[in-house]
Amino acid sequence: RRGDPGQLSAASDVAQVLTAGVDELHQLFGTDRVVAALPDVQGAPEVVVGATALLARARHTLAGMIDPGTVHQETTAEGLTTGVGTLVESTGPPALVWVRLSPARAVSPADLTQFRQLCGTVSRALRRARADEIQRAVALALQRAILGPQDLPEGFAVRYEPAVAPLQVGGDWSAVVRLGDDVTELRLFISNP
């Protein structure tokens, strides 16, 4: 009943993590009515992947939830489940995950346990992806600072070839430094011979 277990571990950014999580939820509940959202800069949930039409209902249902990891189950008067959702903790604001079941049906305790476990895995993958994004941003900022000014003397060029994907850091690069009015030095740095 589970999707490809390697999808989440191979995901390298937040959108890929949420896409892999939604794919797993498709498999678990046998429905394509799944949405995953993260807050935008104003704090309003913004769909990252899944059924956009579910977002308003999911936001309304989960509005009072402040404890990530608590699973909310929406049921009919007959006790059939129409939706399952939670807030998934990460290093930033929590992601919202919502599964809509139509028609309503019984959801077993084992299904809810799998849902919790999958959301826990998504949470860990989100923390890893966000840490990777921060490291990537810091490494790129450092490289730009080390490279120095972008204005080169006439006849000179700088070329950079990243060595490590997906961070795009490391590799061989060079810089041109003006030492005086008529003296320019070319510095070549090779980090991966």
Protein backbone atom coordinates (compact mmCIF):
# COMPACT_ATOMS: atom_id res chain seq x y z
CA ARG A 1 0.00 0.00 0.00
CA ARG A 2 2.98 2.33 0.31
CA GLY A 3 4.62 4.25 -2.53
CA ASP A 4 8.32 4.34 -3.30
CA PRO A 5 10.02 4.50 0.13
CA GLY A 6 13.09 6.14 -1.41
CA GLN A 7 11.19 9.19 -2.65
CA LEU A 8 11.30 11.02 0.67
CA SER A 9 14.92 10.21 1.39
CA ALA A 10 15.95 11.34 -2.10
CA ALA A 11 14.03 14.65 -1.94
CA SER A 12 16.46 17.56 -1.79
CA ASP A 13 14.15 20.54 -1.27
CA VAL A 14 10.92 21.38 0.54
CA ALA A 15 8.67 21.11 -2.53
CA GLN A 16 10.11 17.69 -3.39
CA VAL A 17 9.58 16.48 0.20
CA LEU A 18 5.93 17.57 0.19
CA THR A 19 5.36 16.08 -3.27
CA ALA A 20 6.80 12.74 -2.11
CA GLY A 21 4.66 12.90 1.06
CA VAL A 22 1.51 13.57 -0.96
CA ASP A 23 2.36 10.65 -3.26
CA GLU A 24 2.66 8.39 -0.20
CA LEU A 25 -0.72 9.62 1.10
CA HIS A 26 -2.29 8.91 -2.30
CA GLN A 27 -1.13 5.33 -1.89
CA LEU A 28 -2.12 5.01 1.77
CA PHE A 29 -5.68 6.27 1.39
CA GLY A 30 -6.28 5.46 -2.27
CA THR A 31 -7.38 9.01 -3.07
CA ASP A 32 -6.01 11.88 -5.11
CA ARG A 33 -7.67 14.43 -2.84
CA VAL A 34 -4.60 15.36 -0.84
CA VAL A 35 -3.08 18.78 -0.22
CA ALA A 36 0.15 19.93 1.42
CA ALA A 37 0.67 23.62 2.15
CA LEU A 38 3.17 25.89 3.85
CA PRO A 39 2.61 29.42 5.16
CA ASP A 40 3.61 32.22 2.79
CA VAL A 41 5.46 35.31 4.03
CA GLN A 42 2.22 36.72 5.49
CA GLY A 43 1.51 33.43 7.28
CA ALA A 44 -1.39 32.29 5.08
CA PRO A 45 -1.16 28.65 3.92
CA GLU A 46 -0.05 28.42 0.31
CA VAL A 47 -0.47 25.21 -1.64
CA VAL A 48 2.83 23.58 -2.43
CA VAL A 49 1.42 20.41 -3.94
CA GLY A 50 -1.94 18.71 -4.32
CA ALA A 51 -5.59 19.61 -4.74
CA THR A 52 -5.88 23.39 -4.36
CA ALA A 53 -9.66 23.14 -3.87
CA LEU A 54 -9.07 21.41 -0.52
CA LEU A 55 -7.06 24.24 1.00
CA ALA A 56 -9.94 26.36 2.34
CA ARG A 57 -11.58 23.38 4.06
CA ALA A 58 -8.28 22.15 5.45
CA ARG A 59 -7.41 25.61 6.81
CA HIS A 60 -10.82 25.92 8.46
CA THR A 61 -10.63 22.45 10.02
CA LEU A 62 -7.07 22.82 11.28
CA ALA A 63 -7.33 26.52 12.27
CA GLY A 64 -7.43 25.83 15.99
CA MET A 65 -4.60 23.31 15.95
CA ILE A 66 -1.36 24.61 17.37
CA ASP A 67 0.30 21.32 18.24
CA PRO A 68 2.00 19.75 15.21
CA GLY A 69 1.62 16.00 15.10
CA THR A 70 -1.94 15.93 16.46
CA VAL A 71 -4.11 14.14 13.90
CA HIS A 72 -7.54 15.60 13.25
CA GLN A 73 -10.16 13.23 11.89
CA GLU A 74 -13.34 14.70 10.40
CA THR A 75 -16.28 12.28 10.58
CA THR A 76 -19.95 12.06 9.66
CA ALA A 77 -22.75 11.45 12.16
CA GLU A 78 -22.49 7.75 11.24
CA GLY A 79 -18.81 7.68 12.24
CA LEU A 80 -17.39 7.49 8.71
CA THR A 81 -14.27 9.53 8.00
CA THR A 82 -14.44 12.38 5.48
CA GLY A 83 -11.01 13.84 6.16
CA VAL A 84 -7.74 13.34 8.01
CA GLY A 85 -5.19 16.06 8.58
CA THR A 86 -2.39 17.39 10.70
CA LEU A 87 0.23 20.08 11.00
CA VAL A 88 3.68 18.70 10.18
CA GLU A 89 6.48 20.22 12.23
CA SER A 90 9.62 21.42 10.56
CA THR A 91 12.31 23.99 11.36
CA GLY A 92 10.01 26.77 10.15
CA PRO A 93 6.26 27.20 10.39
CA PRO A 94 4.46 23.84 10.26
CA ALA A 95 3.19 22.45 6.98
CA LEU A 96 -0.48 21.59 6.68
CA VAL A 97 -1.36 18.13 5.32
CA TRP A 98 -4.98 17.22 4.55
CA VAL A 99 -6.55 14.11 2.99
CA ARG A 100 -10.19 14.32 1.85
CA LEU A 101 -12.07 11.02 1.61
CA SER A 102 -15.02 11.02 -0.76
CA PRO A 103 -17.12 9.04 -0.36
CA ALA A 104 -16.75 8.91 3.41
CA ARG A 105 -15.48 5.60 4.72
CA ALA A 106 -14.18 3.82 7.79
CA VAL A 107 -10.51 4.48 8.56
CA SER A 108 -8.82 1.87 10.72
CA PRO A 109 -6.54 2.62 13.66
CA ALA A 110 -3.74 1.00 11.60
CA ASP A 111 -4.36 3.55 8.79
CA LEU A 112 -4.18 6.41 11.31
CA THR A 113 -0.96 4.98 12.74
CA GLN A 114 0.53 4.82 9.23
CA PHE A 115 -0.65 8.40 8.64
CA ARG A 116 1.14 9.56 11.83
CA GLN A 117 4.30 7.66 10.91
CA LEU A 118 4.32 9.04 7.38
CA CYS A 119 3.80 12.60 8.65
CA GLY A 120 6.69 12.02 11.09
CA THR A 121 8.88 10.94 8.19
CA VAL A 122 7.77 14.01 6.20
CA SER A 123 8.62 16.19 9.22
CA ARG A 124 12.16 14.80 9.41
CA ALA A 125 12.61 15.15 5.65
CA LEU A 126 11.38 18.77 5.80
CA ARG A 127 13.89 19.61 8.54
CA ARG A 128 16.67 18.05 6.45
CA ALA A 129 15.56 19.86 3.26
CA ARG A 130 15.33 23.21 5.05
CA ALA A 131 18.77 22.70 6.59
CA ASP A 132 20.14 21.88 3.11
CA GLU A 133 18.54 25.06 1.71
CA ILE A 134 20.11 27.16 4.46
CA GLN A 135 23.52 25.55 3.92
CA ARG A 136 23.21 26.12 0.16
CA ALA A 137 22.34 29.81 0.67
CA VAL A 138 25.23 30.32 3.11
CA ALA A 139 27.71 28.56 0.81
CA LEU A 140 26.62 30.62 -2.20
CA ALA A 141 26.80 33.86 -0.21
CA LEU A 142 30.29 32.94 1.00
CA GLN A 143 31.44 32.07 -2.51
CA ARG A 144 30.11 35.37 -3.86
CA ALA A 145 31.90 37.24 -1.08
CA ILE A 146 35.16 35.38 -1.73
CA LEU A 147 34.98 35.97 -5.48
CA GLY A 148 35.04 39.71 -4.86
CA PRO A 149 33.91 42.40 -7.27
CA GLN A 150 32.11 41.44 -10.44
CA ASP A 151 33.63 44.29 -12.51
CA LEU A 152 36.64 42.81 -14.28
CA PRO A 153 39.34 44.62 -16.21
CA GLU A 154 38.89 44.61 -19.95
CA GLY A 155 40.05 41.33 -21.48
CA PHE A 156 39.51 39.23 -18.34
CA ALA A 157 36.72 36.79 -17.49
CA VAL A 158 35.83 34.60 -14.54
CA ARG A 159 34.50 31.11 -14.86
CA TYR A 160 33.08 28.96 -12.08
CA GLU A 161 32.18 25.28 -12.30
CA PRO A 162 30.35 23.85 -9.29
CA ALA A 163 31.51 20.43 -8.16
CA VAL A 164 28.79 19.19 -5.84
CA ALA A 165 25.11 18.89 -6.79
CA PRO A 166 22.56 19.90 -5.57
CA LEU A 167 24.37 22.48 -3.43
CA GLN A 168 26.29 23.89 -6.40
CA VAL A 169 29.30 24.57 -4.20
CA GLY A 170 32.93 23.59 -4.39
CA GLY A 171 34.67 23.17 -7.69
CA ASP A 172 37.19 25.27 -9.58
CA TRP A 173 37.03 29.03 -9.78
CA SER A 174 39.24 31.97 -10.40
CA ALA A 175 39.32 35.64 -9.53
CA VAL A 176 41.00 38.68 -10.98
CA VAL A 177 42.34 41.14 -8.42
CA ARG A 178 43.62 44.63 -9.28
CA LEU A 179 46.82 45.20 -7.30
CA GLY A 180 47.59 48.71 -8.50
CA ASP A 181 46.95 51.13 -11.31
CA ASP A 182 48.57 48.99 -13.97
CA VAL A 183 49.00 45.59 -12.26
CA THR A 184 46.34 42.88 -12.29
CA GLU A 185 46.77 39.42 -10.83
CA LEU A 186 44.85 36.31 -11.89
CA ARG A 187 44.29 33.86 -9.04
CA LEU A 188 43.18 30.35 -9.90
CA PHE A 189 41.78 28.14 -7.16
CA ILE A 190 41.31 24.44 -7.76
CA SER A 191 39.42 22.74 -4.96
CA ASN A 192 38.66 19.45 -6.71
CA PRO A 193 41.72 18.41 -8.73
